[in-house]
Every structure is written in C-alpha cells, then in structure tokens.
C-alpha cells in the first residue's frame, strides 16, 4: 500500500492472518483521516489500492468538510454505505452499534 491508513481493523474470524510484525492479506476495514496535504491521494490512489486488495469496508473522515463517509466493497467496487456531516452521529458496518459523535472529532 502507498502509506498506511489511520486505522486498520482485522476481525476475529481473520485473526490468524496476524503475524508478529503485521497482518497477512488485507484488513477488513481501513479508516483514512484526510489531511489537506494527502487528501487527494487518500481519496484516489489509496482507495483504488484498498479496492484491489479486497478491503471490505473503507471509511473516510474529512475534518475540512466535517464529514465521514463509509464505503463497502461490492463486486470489486466501493459503494457508499453511510454518511454523516457536522454534529451528527456516524455509524456504519461492520459496527452498526458504534456511533461516533462527529462533533467530538472536530473539537
């Protein structure tokens, strides 16, 4: 991958893929926190690489626009799964019960 995502998640079902130094194969989910300097690369190249590698869920968190968007992999392509902006709560698969208060992220 080009750079590393802010967060990588590997499910219990795939925990056997974790070796001493790293996980083998793609994570189940990546979270990218966009920075002005790298936002374009994160939205394009890193997203394309995650799709190609079979990462099931990709979340983009954009502090500039105060927006969070979740994508899920379907047929090798990312499709929007959830979105929230501003002061709202953000929740998406694979953790539908996890609700992130976006207002806390922007503080």
PDB file of N, CA and C in Angstrom:
ATOM      1  N   UNK A   1       0.830  -1.195   0.000  1.00  0.00           N
ATOM      2  CA  UNK A   1       0.000   0.000   0.000  1.00  0.00           C
ATOM      3  C   UNK A   1       0.870   1.253   0.000  1.00  0.00           C
ATOM      4  N   UNK A   2       0.333   2.317  -0.523  1.00  0.00           N
ATOM      5  CA  UNK A   2       1.014   3.602  -0.504  1.00  0.00           C
ATOM      6  C   UNK A   2       0.671   4.263   0.814  1.00  0.00           C
ATOM      7  N   UNK A   3       1.634   4.357   1.717  1.00  0.00           N
ATOM      8  CA  UNK A   3       1.347   4.900   3.040  1.00  0.00           C
ATOM      9  C   UNK A   3       0.498   3.922   3.827  1.00  0.00           C
ATOM     10  N   UNK A   4       0.144   4.311   5.015  1.00  0.00           N
ATOM     11  CA  UNK A   4      -0.676   3.472   5.874  1.00  0.00           C
ATOM     12  C   UNK A   4      -1.954   4.218   6.230  1.00  0.00           C
ATOM     13  N   UNK A   5      -3.069   3.510   6.347  1.00  0.00           N
ATOM     14  CA  UNK A   5      -4.292   4.173   6.794  1.00  0.00           C
ATOM     15  C   UNK A   5      -4.159   4.575   8.263  1.00  0.00           C
ATOM     16  N   UNK A   6      -5.006   5.485   8.702  1.00  0.00           N
ATOM     17  CA  UNK A   6      -5.000   5.909  10.098  1.00  0.00           C
ATOM     18  C   UNK A   6      -5.340   4.735  11.010  1.00  0.00           C
ATOM     19  N   UNK A   7      -6.201   3.836  10.537  1.00  0.00           N
ATOM     20  CA  UNK A   7      -6.634   2.693  11.332  1.00  0.00           C
ATOM     21  C   UNK A   7      -6.877   1.511  10.411  1.00  0.00           C
ATOM     22  N   UNK A   8      -6.396   0.350  10.824  1.00  0.00           N
ATOM     23  CA  UNK A   8      -6.666  -0.902  10.115  1.00  0.00           C
ATOM     24  C   UNK A   8      -7.318  -1.848  11.108  1.00  0.00           C
ATOM     25  N   UNK A   9      -8.351  -2.564  10.673  1.00  0.00           N
ATOM     26  CA  UNK A   9      -9.082  -3.482  11.547  1.00  0.00           C
ATOM     27  C   UNK A   9      -9.089  -4.866  10.908  1.00  0.00           C
ATOM     28  N   UNK A  10      -8.755  -5.869  11.711  1.00  0.00           N
ATOM     29  CA  UNK A  10      -8.836  -7.266  11.283  1.00  0.00           C
ATOM     30  C   UNK A  10      -9.791  -7.965  12.241  1.00  0.00           C
ATOM     31  N   UNK A  11     -10.820  -8.612  11.693  1.00  0.00           N
ATOM     32  CA  UNK A  11     -11.843  -9.262  12.517  1.00  0.00           C
ATOM     33  C   UNK A  11     -11.305 -10.498  13.220  1.00  0.00           C
ATOM     34  N   UNK A  12     -12.033 -10.944  14.241  1.00  0.00           N
ATOM     35  CA  UNK A  12     -11.656 -12.169  14.966  1.00  0.00           C
ATOM     36  C   UNK A  12     -11.600 -13.366  14.035  1.00  0.00           C
ATOM     37  N   UNK A  13     -12.515 -13.392  13.066  1.00  0.00           N
ATOM     38  CA  UNK A  13     -12.553 -14.513  12.137  1.00  0.00           C
ATOM     39  C   UNK A  13     -11.257 -14.611  11.336  1.00  0.00           C
ATOM     40  N   UNK A  14     -10.558 -13.494  11.168  1.00  0.00           N
ATOM     41  CA  UNK A  14      -9.326 -13.486  10.383  1.00  0.00           C
ATOM     42  C   UNK A  14      -8.095 -13.230  11.249  1.00  0.00           C
ATOM     43  N   UNK A  15      -8.214 -13.342  12.562  1.00  0.00           N
ATOM     44  CA  UNK A  15      -7.085 -13.015  13.433  1.00  0.00           C
ATOM     45  C   UNK A  15      -5.881 -13.935  13.203  1.00  0.00           C
ATOM     46  N   UNK A  16      -6.101 -15.087  12.606  1.00  0.00           N
ATOM     47  CA  UNK A  16      -4.995 -15.972  12.261  1.00  0.00           C
ATOM     48  C   UNK A  16      -4.065 -15.370  11.220  1.00  0.00           C
ATOM     49  N   UNK A  17      -4.533 -14.328  10.507  1.00  0.00           N
ATOM     50  CA  UNK A  17      -3.691 -13.683   9.496  1.00  0.00           C
ATOM     51  C   UNK A  17      -2.689 -12.715  10.111  1.00  0.00           C
ATOM     52  N   UNK A  18      -2.807 -12.478  11.412  1.00  0.00           N
ATOM     53  CA  UNK A  18      -1.897 -11.539  12.071  1.00  0.00           C
ATOM     54  C   UNK A  18      -0.622 -12.280  12.469  1.00  0.00           C
ATOM     55  N   UNK A  19       0.469 -11.808  11.961  1.00  0.00           N
ATOM     56  CA  UNK A  19       1.784 -12.346  12.292  1.00  0.00           C
ATOM     57  C   UNK A  19       2.424 -11.419  13.314  1.00  0.00           C
ATOM     58  N   UNK A  20       3.611 -11.738  13.764  1.00  0.00           N
ATOM     59  CA  UNK A  20       4.280 -10.933  14.785  1.00  0.00           C
ATOM     60  C   UNK A  20       4.431  -9.477  14.361  1.00  0.00           C
ATOM     61  N   UNK A  21       4.812  -9.220  13.134  1.00  0.00           N
ATOM     62  CA  UNK A  21       5.089  -7.851  12.691  1.00  0.00           C
ATOM     63  C   UNK A  21       3.912  -7.198  11.970  1.00  0.00           C
ATOM     64  N   UNK A  22       3.026  -8.002  11.362  1.00  0.00           N
ATOM     65  CA  UNK A  22       1.941  -7.403  10.583  1.00  0.00           C
ATOM     66  C   UNK A  22       0.885  -8.449  10.260  1.00  0.00           C
ATOM     67  N   UNK A  23      -0.188  -7.982   9.642  1.00  0.00           N
ATOM     68  CA  UNK A  23      -1.240  -8.888   9.182  1.00  0.00           C
ATOM     69  C   UNK A  23      -0.926  -9.321   7.758  1.00  0.00           C
ATOM     70  N   UNK A  24      -1.246 -10.569   7.450  1.00  0.00           N
ATOM     71  CA  UNK A  24      -1.069 -11.083   6.099  1.00  0.00           C
ATOM     72  C   UNK A  24      -2.397 -10.936   5.379  1.00  0.00           C
ATOM     73  N   UNK A  25      -2.394 -10.332   4.214  1.00  0.00           N
ATOM     74  CA  UNK A  25      -3.627 -10.102   3.477  1.00  0.00           C
ATOM     75  C   UNK A  25      -4.248  -8.785   3.897  1.00  0.00           C
ATOM     76  N   UNK A  26      -5.350  -8.433   3.254  1.00  0.00           N
ATOM     77  CA  UNK A  26      -5.960  -7.126   3.527  1.00  0.00           C
ATOM     78  C   UNK A  26      -6.700  -7.106   4.860  1.00  0.00           C
ATOM     79  N   UNK A  27      -6.760  -5.934   5.490  1.00  0.00           N
ATOM     80  CA  UNK A  27      -7.601  -5.805   6.679  1.00  0.00           C
ATOM     81  C   UNK A  27      -9.073  -5.839   6.266  1.00  0.00           C
ATOM     82  N   UNK A  28      -9.959  -6.005   7.222  1.00  0.00           N
ATOM     83  CA  UNK A  28     -11.389  -5.985   6.939  1.00  0.00           C
ATOM     84  C   UNK A  28     -11.895  -4.561   6.715  1.00  0.00           C
ATOM     85  N   UNK A  29     -11.236  -3.615   7.372  1.00  0.00           N
ATOM     86  CA  UNK A  29     -11.661  -2.219   7.249  1.00  0.00           C
ATOM     87  C   UNK A  29     -10.453  -1.318   7.408  1.00  0.00           C
ATOM     88  N   UNK A  30     -10.468  -0.207   6.669  1.00  0.00           N
ATOM     89  CA  UNK A  30      -9.482   0.849   6.865  1.00  0.00           C
ATOM     90  C   UNK A  30     -10.232   2.152   7.117  1.00  0.00           C
ATOM     91  N   UNK A  31      -9.607   3.009   7.896  1.00  0.00           N
ATOM     92  CA  UNK A  31     -10.139   4.349   8.149  1.00  0.00           C
ATOM     93  C   UNK A  31      -9.058   5.334   7.756  1.00  0.00           C
ATOM     94  N   UNK A  32      -9.401   6.252   6.881  1.00  0.00           N
ATOM     95  CA  UNK A  32      -8.483   7.308   6.472  1.00  0.00           C
ATOM     96  C   UNK A  32      -8.989   8.624   7.060  1.00  0.00           C
ATOM     97  N   UNK A  33      -8.127   9.308   7.782  1.00  0.00           N
ATOM     98  CA  UNK A  33      -8.423  10.659   8.253  1.00  0.00           C
ATOM     99  C   UNK A  33      -7.689  11.585   7.291  1.00  0.00           C
ATOM    100  N   UNK A  34      -8.449  12.319   6.499  1.00  0.00           N
ATOM    101  CA  UNK A  34      -7.870  13.124   5.435  1.00  0.00           C
ATOM    102  C   UNK A  34      -7.167  14.356   5.983  1.00  0.00           C
ATOM    103  N   UNK A  35      -6.012  14.618   5.431  1.00  0.00           N
ATOM    104  CA  UNK A  35      -5.257  15.838   5.726  1.00  0.00           C
ATOM    105  C   UNK A  35      -5.168  16.621   4.415  1.00  0.00           C
ATOM    106  N   UNK A  36      -5.160  17.938   4.481  1.00  0.00           N
ATOM    107  CA  UNK A  36      -5.125  18.729   3.239  1.00  0.00           C
ATOM    108  C   UNK A  36      -4.004  18.303   2.290  1.00  0.00           C
ATOM    109  N   UNK A  37      -2.846  17.979   2.837  1.00  0.00           N
ATOM    110  CA  UNK A  37      -1.690  17.635   2.014  1.00  0.00           C
ATOM    111  C   UNK A  37      -1.850  16.293   1.292  1.00  0.00           C
ATOM    112  N   UNK A  38      -2.587  15.346   1.878  1.00  0.00           N
ATOM    113  CA  UNK A  38      -2.680  13.998   1.314  1.00  0.00           C
ATOM    114  C   UNK A  38      -4.092  13.595   0.902  1.00  0.00           C
ATOM    115  N   UNK A  39      -5.062  14.480   1.035  1.00  0.00           N
ATOM    116  CA  UNK A  39      -6.464  14.125   0.794  1.00  0.00           C
ATOM    117  C   UNK A  39      -6.697  13.569  -0.611  1.00  0.00           C
ATOM    118  N   UNK A  40      -6.103  14.201  -1.606  1.00  0.00           N
ATOM    119  CA  UNK A  40      -6.324  13.736  -2.985  1.00  0.00           C
ATOM    120  C   UNK A  40      -5.813  12.308  -3.167  1.00  0.00           C
ATOM    121  N   UNK A  41      -4.603  12.034  -2.675  1.00  0.00           N
ATOM    122  CA  UNK A  41      -4.031  10.688  -2.777  1.00  0.00           C
ATOM    123  C   UNK A  41      -4.884   9.681  -2.002  1.00  0.00           C
ATOM    124  N   UNK A  42      -5.344  10.072  -0.806  1.00  0.00           N
ATOM    125  CA  UNK A  42      -6.151   9.163   0.011  1.00  0.00           C
ATOM    126  C   UNK A  42      -7.479   8.836  -0.661  1.00  0.00           C
ATOM    127  N   UNK A  43      -8.080   9.820  -1.314  1.00  0.00           N
ATOM    128  CA  UNK A  43      -9.377   9.614  -1.979  1.00  0.00           C
ATOM    129  C   UNK A  43      -9.257   8.815  -3.280  1.00  0.00           C
ATOM    130  N   UNK A  44      -8.102   8.862  -3.921  1.00  0.00           N
ATOM    131  CA  UNK A  44      -7.958   8.206  -5.225  1.00  0.00           C
ATOM    132  C   UNK A  44      -7.064   6.973  -5.135  1.00  0.00           C
ATOM    133  N   UNK A  45      -5.776   7.158  -5.082  1.00  0.00           N
ATOM    134  CA  UNK A  45      -4.831   6.046  -5.155  1.00  0.00           C
ATOM    135  C   UNK A  45      -5.018   5.053  -4.013  1.00  0.00           C
ATOM    136  N   UNK A  46      -5.084   5.537  -2.785  1.00  0.00           N
ATOM    137  CA  UNK A  46      -5.218   4.612  -1.653  1.00  0.00           C
ATOM    138  C   UNK A  46      -6.560   3.888  -1.694  1.00  0.00           C
ATOM    139  N   UNK A  47      -7.597   4.574  -2.145  1.00  0.00           N
ATOM    140  CA  UNK A  47      -8.904   3.934  -2.275  1.00  0.00           C
ATOM    141  C   UNK A  47      -8.863   2.842  -3.342  1.00  0.00           C
ATOM    142  N   UNK A  48      -8.236   3.130  -4.476  1.00  0.00           N
ATOM    143  CA  UNK A  48      -8.107   2.140  -5.538  1.00  0.00           C
ATOM    144  C   UNK A  48      -7.321   0.918  -5.065  1.00  0.00           C
ATOM    145  N   UNK A  49      -6.271   1.151  -4.308  1.00  0.00           N
ATOM    146  CA  UNK A  49      -5.471   0.034  -3.790  1.00  0.00           C
ATOM    147  C   UNK A  49      -6.265  -0.800  -2.796  1.00  0.00           C
ATOM    148  N   UNK A  50      -7.050  -0.139  -1.953  1.00  0.00           N
ATOM    149  CA  UNK A  50      -7.886  -0.876  -0.996  1.00  0.00           C
ATOM    150  C   UNK A  50      -8.918  -1.724  -1.726  1.00  0.00           C
ATOM    151  N   UNK A  51      -9.537  -1.175  -2.756  1.00  0.00           N
ATOM    152  CA  UNK A  51     -10.495  -1.945  -3.572  1.00  0.00           C
ATOM    153  C   UNK A  51      -9.809  -3.153  -4.181  1.00  0.00           C
ATOM    154  N   UNK A  52      -8.671  -2.926  -4.806  1.00  0.00           N
ATOM    155  CA  UNK A  52      -7.936  -4.001  -5.478  1.00  0.00           C
ATOM    156  C   UNK A  52      -7.538  -5.101  -4.495  1.00  0.00           C
ATOM    157  N   UNK A  53      -7.140  -4.689  -3.288  1.00  0.00           N
ATOM    158  CA  UNK A  53      -6.690  -5.646  -2.284  1.00  0.00           C
ATOM    159  C   UNK A  53      -7.832  -6.365  -1.576  1.00  0.00           C
ATOM    160  N   UNK A  54      -9.071  -5.933  -1.801  1.00  0.00           N
ATOM    161  CA  UNK A  54     -10.220  -6.614  -1.211  1.00  0.00           C
ATOM    162  C   UNK A  54     -10.574  -6.174   0.192  1.00  0.00           C
ATOM    163  N   UNK A  55     -10.235  -4.943   0.569  1.00  0.00           N
ATOM    164  CA  UNK A  55     -10.626  -4.410   1.878  1.00  0.00           C
ATOM    165  C   UNK A  55     -12.149  -4.219   1.849  1.00  0.00           C
ATOM    166  N   UNK A  56     -12.858  -4.881   2.758  1.00  0.00           N
ATOM    167  CA  UNK A  56     -14.321  -4.910   2.712  1.00  0.00           C
ATOM    168  C   UNK A  56     -14.985  -3.576   3.039  1.00  0.00           C
ATOM    169  N   UNK A  57     -14.404  -2.815   3.954  1.00  0.00           N
ATOM    170  CA  UNK A  57     -15.006  -1.550   4.386  1.00  0.00           C
ATOM    171  C   UNK A  57     -13.931  -0.472   4.422  1.00  0.00           C
ATOM    172  N   UNK A  58     -14.278   0.685   3.900  1.00  0.00           N
ATOM    173  CA  UNK A  58     -13.365   1.824   3.910  1.00  0.00           C
ATOM    174  C   UNK A  58     -14.125   3.047   4.395  1.00  0.00           C
ATOM    175  N   UNK A  59     -13.592   3.685   5.422  1.00  0.00           N
ATOM    176  CA  UNK A  59     -14.199   4.910   5.943  1.00  0.00           C
ATOM    177  C   UNK A  59     -13.264   6.072   5.656  1.00  0.00           C
ATOM    178  N   UNK A  60     -13.822   7.178   5.191  1.00  0.00           N
ATOM    179  CA  UNK A  60     -13.077   8.419   5.000  1.00  0.00           C
ATOM    180  C   UNK A  60     -13.619   9.453   5.974  1.00  0.00           C
ATOM    181  N   UNK A  61     -12.734  10.024   6.766  1.00  0.00           N
ATOM    182  CA  UNK A  61     -13.104  11.067   7.719  1.00  0.00           C
ATOM    183  C   UNK A  61     -12.403  12.335   7.266  1.00  0.00           C
ATOM    184  N   UNK A  62     -13.185  13.369   6.962  1.00  0.00           N
ATOM    185  CA  UNK A  62     -12.645  14.615   6.423  1.00  0.00           C
ATOM    186  C   UNK A  62     -12.891  15.766   7.394  1.00  0.00           C
ATOM    187  N   UNK A  63     -11.879  16.144   8.174  1.00  0.00           N
ATOM    188  CA  UNK A  63     -12.047  17.247   9.122  1.00  0.00           C
ATOM    189  C   UNK A  63     -12.334  18.589   8.439  1.00  0.00           C
ATOM    190  N   UNK A  64     -11.842  18.782   7.211  1.00  0.00           N
ATOM    191  CA  UNK A  64     -12.077  20.045   6.495  1.00  0.00           C
ATOM    192  C   UNK A  64     -13.564  20.250   6.216  1.00  0.00           C
ATOM    193  N   UNK A  65     -14.229  19.230   5.705  1.00  0.00           N
ATOM    194  CA  UNK A  65     -15.656  19.341   5.384  1.00  0.00           C
ATOM    195  C   UNK A  65     -16.534  18.848   6.526  1.00  0.00           C
ATOM    196  N   UNK A  66     -15.888  18.374   7.605  1.00  0.00           N
ATOM    197  CA  UNK A  66     -16.613  17.835   8.768  1.00  0.00           C
ATOM    198  C   UNK A  66     -17.588  16.748   8.351  1.00  0.00           C
ATOM    199  N   UNK A  67     -17.048  15.786   7.603  1.00  0.00           N
ATOM    200  CA  UNK A  67     -17.867  14.733   7.031  1.00  0.00           C
ATOM    201  C   UNK A  67     -17.177  13.377   7.201  1.00  0.00           C
ATOM    202  N   UNK A  68     -17.978  12.347   7.387  1.00  0.00           N
ATOM    203  CA  UNK A  68     -17.488  10.980   7.421  1.00  0.00           C
ATOM    204  C   UNK A  68     -18.336  10.164   6.448  1.00  0.00           C
ATOM    205  N   UNK A  69     -17.662   9.349   5.635  1.00  0.00           N
ATOM    206  CA  UNK A  69     -18.352   8.523   4.648  1.00  0.00           C
ATOM    207  C   UNK A  69     -17.817   7.098   4.765  1.00  0.00           C
ATOM    208  N   UNK A  70     -18.716   6.142   4.771  1.00  0.00           N
ATOM    209  CA  UNK A  70     -18.345   4.727   4.799  1.00  0.00           C
ATOM    210  C   UNK A  70     -18.687   4.114   3.448  1.00  0.00           C
ATOM    211  N   UNK A  71     -17.775   3.280   2.958  1.00  0.00           N
ATOM    212  CA  UNK A  71     -17.988   2.542   1.720  1.00  0.00           C
ATOM    213  C   UNK A  71     -17.871   1.065   2.027  1.00  0.00           C
ATOM    214  N   UNK A  72     -18.585   0.239   1.266  1.00  0.00           N
ATOM    215  CA  UNK A  72     -18.440  -1.207   1.382  1.00  0.00           C
ATOM    216  C   UNK A  72     -18.119  -1.760  -0.011  1.00  0.00           C
ATOM    217  N   UNK A  73     -17.360  -2.822  -0.025  1.00  0.00           N
ATOM    218  CA  UNK A  73     -16.929  -3.439  -1.275  1.00  0.00           C
ATOM    219  C   UNK A  73     -18.030  -4.348  -1.803  1.00  0.00           C
ATOM    220  N   UNK A  74     -18.469  -4.077  -3.022  1.00  0.00           N
ATOM    221  CA  UNK A  74     -19.473  -4.912  -3.700  1.00  0.00           C
ATOM    222  C   UNK A  74     -19.009  -5.141  -5.127  1.00  0.00           C
ATOM    223  N   UNK A  75     -18.808  -6.385  -5.480  1.00  0.00           N
ATOM    224  CA  UNK A  75     -18.379  -6.699  -6.841  1.00  0.00           C
ATOM    225  C   UNK A  75     -17.069  -6.038  -7.225  1.00  0.00           C
ATOM    226  N   UNK A  76     -16.170  -5.876  -6.251  1.00  0.00           N
ATOM    227  CA  UNK A  76     -14.867  -5.286  -6.525  1.00  0.00           C
ATOM    228  C   UNK A  76     -14.847  -3.769  -6.563  1.00  0.00           C
ATOM    229  N   UNK A  77     -15.978  -3.119  -6.283  1.00  0.00           N
ATOM    230  CA  UNK A  77     -16.078  -1.652  -6.303  1.00  0.00           C
ATOM    231  C   UNK A  77     -16.632  -1.160  -4.973  1.00  0.00           C
ATOM    232  N   UNK A  78     -16.181  -0.001  -4.544  1.00  0.00           N
ATOM    233  CA  UNK A  78     -16.743   0.601  -3.341  1.00  0.00           C
ATOM    234  C   UNK A  78     -18.036   1.323  -3.674  1.00  0.00           C
ATOM    235  N   UNK A  79     -19.042   1.071  -2.844  1.00  0.00           N
ATOM    236  CA  UNK A  79     -20.314   1.775  -2.950  1.00  0.00           C
ATOM    237  C   UNK A  79     -20.568   2.462  -1.607  1.00  0.00           C
ATOM    238  N   UNK A  80     -21.167   3.667  -1.640  1.00  0.00           N
ATOM    239  CA  UNK A  80     -21.456   4.357  -0.376  1.00  0.00           C
ATOM    240  C   UNK A  80     -22.385   3.524   0.498  1.00  0.00           C
ATOM    241  N   UNK A  81     -22.071   3.466   1.788  1.00  0.00           N
ATOM    242  CA  UNK A  81     -22.873   2.689   2.727  1.00  0.00           C
ATOM    243  C   UNK A  81     -23.504   3.573   3.798  1.00  0.00           C
ATOM    244  N   UNK A  82     -22.814   4.662   4.180  1.00  0.00           N
ATOM    245  CA  UNK A  82     -23.325   5.565   5.210  1.00  0.00           C
ATOM    246  C   UNK A  82     -22.565   6.881   5.108  1.00  0.00           C
ATOM    247  N   UNK A  83     -23.223   7.937   5.580  1.00  0.00           N
ATOM    248  CA  UNK A  83     -22.597   9.260   5.551  1.00  0.00           C
ATOM    249  C   UNK A  83     -23.195  10.110   6.663  1.00  0.00           C
ATOM    250  N   UNK A  84     -22.360  10.951   7.254  1.00  0.00           N
ATOM    251  CA  UNK A  84     -22.834  11.903   8.260  1.00  0.00           C
ATOM    252  C   UNK A  84     -21.951  13.139   8.171  1.00  0.00           C
ATOM    253  N   UNK A  85     -22.517  14.256   8.565  1.00  0.00           N
ATOM    254  CA  UNK A  85     -21.782  15.515   8.471  1.00  0.00           C
ATOM    255  C   UNK A  85     -22.095  16.391   9.671  1.00  0.00           C
ATOM    256  N   UNK A  86     -21.132  17.254   9.993  1.00  0.00           N
ATOM    257  CA  UNK A  86     -21.325  18.252  11.034  1.00  0.00           C
ATOM    258  C   UNK A  86     -21.360  17.679  12.428  1.00  0.00           C
ATOM    259  N   UNK A  87     -22.462  17.874  13.116  1.00  0.00           N
ATOM    260  CA  UNK A  87     -22.605  17.490  14.514  1.00  0.00           C
ATOM    261  C   UNK A  87     -23.263  16.127  14.710  1.00  0.00           C
ATOM    262  N   UNK A  88     -23.585  15.430  13.647  1.00  0.00           N
ATOM    263  CA  UNK A  88     -24.337  14.181  13.732  1.00  0.00           C
ATOM    264  C   UNK A  88     -23.505  13.019  14.264  1.00  0.00           C
ATOM    265  N   UNK A  89     -24.196  11.932  14.537  1.00  0.00           N
ATOM    266  CA  UNK A  89     -23.537  10.677  14.898  1.00  0.00           C
ATOM    267  C   UNK A  89     -23.253   9.902  13.616  1.00  0.00           C
ATOM    268  N   UNK A  90     -22.123   9.213  13.582  1.00  0.00           N
ATOM    269  CA  UNK A  90     -21.750   8.424  12.414  1.00  0.00           C
ATOM    270  C   UNK A  90     -21.700   6.961  12.816  1.00  0.00           C
ATOM    271  N   UNK A  91     -22.386   6.125  12.051  1.00  0.00           N
ATOM    272  CA  UNK A  91     -22.427   4.702  12.312  1.00  0.00           C
ATOM    273  C   UNK A  91     -22.471   3.974  10.979  1.00  0.00           C
ATOM    274  N   UNK A  92     -21.739   2.858  10.875  1.00  0.00           N
ATOM    275  CA  UNK A  92     -21.728   2.081   9.632  1.00  0.00           C
ATOM    276  C   UNK A  92     -21.224   0.670   9.920  1.00  0.00           C
ATOM    277  N   UNK A  93     -21.494  -0.225   8.999  1.00  0.00           N
ATOM    278  CA  UNK A  93     -20.968  -1.577   9.101  1.00  0.00           C
ATOM    279  C   UNK A  93     -19.453  -1.538   9.041  1.00  0.00           C
ATOM    280  N   UNK A  94     -18.772  -2.429   9.662  1.00  0.00           N
ATOM    281  CA  UNK A  94     -19.248  -3.639  10.315  1.00  0.00           C
ATOM    282  C   UNK A  94     -19.612  -3.443  11.780  1.00  0.00           C
ATOM    283  N   UNK A  95     -19.706  -2.202  12.245  1.00  0.00           N
ATOM    284  CA  UNK A  95     -20.055  -1.915  13.643  1.00  0.00           C
ATOM    285  C   UNK A  95     -21.288  -1.022  13.712  1.00  0.00           C
ATOM    286  N   UNK A  96     -22.471  -1.532  13.393  1.00  0.00           N
ATOM    287  CA  UNK A  96     -23.654  -0.675  13.369  1.00  0.00           C
ATOM    288  C   UNK A  96     -24.026  -0.103  14.735  1.00  0.00           C
ATOM    289  N   UNK A  97     -23.580  -0.732  15.812  1.00  0.00           N
ATOM    290  CA  UNK A  97     -23.902  -0.228  17.148  1.00  0.00           C
ATOM    291  C   UNK A  97     -22.895   0.800  17.654  1.00  0.00           C
ATOM    292  N   UNK A  98     -21.827   0.997  16.923  1.00  0.00           N
ATOM    293  CA  UNK A  98     -20.831   2.002  17.286  1.00  0.00           C
ATOM    294  C   UNK A  98     -21.238   3.316  16.640  1.00  0.00           C
ATOM    295  N   UNK A  99     -21.539   4.311  17.449  1.00  0.00           N
ATOM    296  CA  UNK A  99     -21.950   5.624  16.944  1.00  0.00           C
ATOM    297  C   UNK A  99     -20.904   6.666  17.367  1.00  0.00           C
ATOM    298  N   UNK A 100     -20.212   7.210  16.390  1.00  0.00           N
ATOM    299  CA  UNK A 100     -19.179   8.200  16.671  1.00  0.00           C
ATOM    300  C   UNK A 100     -19.784   9.594  16.640  1.00  0.00           C
ATOM    301  N   UNK A 101     -19.673  10.339  17.725  1.00  0.00           N
ATOM    302  CA  UNK A 101     -20.159  11.732  17.714  1.00  0.00           C
ATOM    303  C   UNK A 101     -19.168  12.602  16.937  1.00  0.00           C
ATOM    304  N   UNK A 102     -19.512  12.962  15.724  1.00  0.00           N
ATOM    305  CA  UNK A 102     -18.587  13.715  14.877  1.00  0.00           C
ATOM    306  C   UNK A 102     -18.171  15.034  15.499  1.00  0.00           C
ATOM    307  N   UNK A 103     -19.046  15.663  16.259  1.00  0.00           N
ATOM    308  CA  UNK A 103     -18.705  16.951  16.886  1.00  0.00           C
ATOM    309  C   UNK A 103     -17.441  16.817  17.740  1.00  0.00           C
ATOM    310  N   UNK A 104     -17.232  15.654  18.380  1.00  0.00           N
ATOM    311  CA  UNK A 104     -16.050  15.441  19.193  1.00  0.00           C
ATOM    312  C   UNK A 104     -14.778  15.360  18.355  1.00  0.00           C
ATOM    313  N   UNK A 105     -14.910  14.869  17.118  1.00  0.00           N
ATOM    314  CA  UNK A 105     -13.756  14.770  16.238  1.00  0.00           C
ATOM    315  C   UNK A 105     -13.272  16.132  15.768  1.00  0.00           C
ATOM    316  N   UNK A 106     -14.174  17.062  15.631  1.00  0.00           N
ATOM    317  CA  UNK A 106     -13.824  18.375  15.089  1.00  0.00           C
ATOM    318  C   UNK A 106     -13.358  19.335  16.163  1.00  0.00           C
ATOM    319  N   UNK A 107     -13.539  18.974  17.423  1.00  0.00           N
ATOM    320  CA  UNK A 107     -13.178  19.887  18.527  1.00  0.00           C
ATOM    321  C   UNK A 107     -11.683  20.090  18.642  1.00  0.00           C
TER     322      UNK A 107
END
